[in-house]
Amino acid sequence: MLLSGKLNKIRTFALLLVFLGVGVMYIGFIIPSWMVVFFILGLLTVCASVGIYFWIGMLSLQSVPVECPECKKQTKLLGRRDECSHCRAILSLDPKDAPNTPPNATN
């Protein structure tokens, strides 16, 4: 799932920045007189992507690993509410989001 979960969405954005940066650098071959400008812009875009990858790596280390109740796979939860990166089920650490079950119900 490419766009499921906050971590994967940010990683996808960083990957798009890499492709955009390389594309901007290739535009320099079309307009040779501006090649240096396009190379610098592309390089800055790729460097921004590296910064985002570093930042998301640090966030990933701090995220809480949980087991999804829907698909039973382990995923990481960023913030109080996120979605499973495998099945897109909404996961939450907030007690207000817990399902309403009677206190004496047995499963």
Foldseek 3Di string as FASTA:
>chain_A
DQPFKPLSVLLVVLVVLLVVLVVLLVVCVVVVVCNVVSNVVSVVSNVVSVVSVVVSVVQQVVWDWDQDPPPRDIATHRPQWGARPPPRHIDGPDPVPDDDDDPPDDD
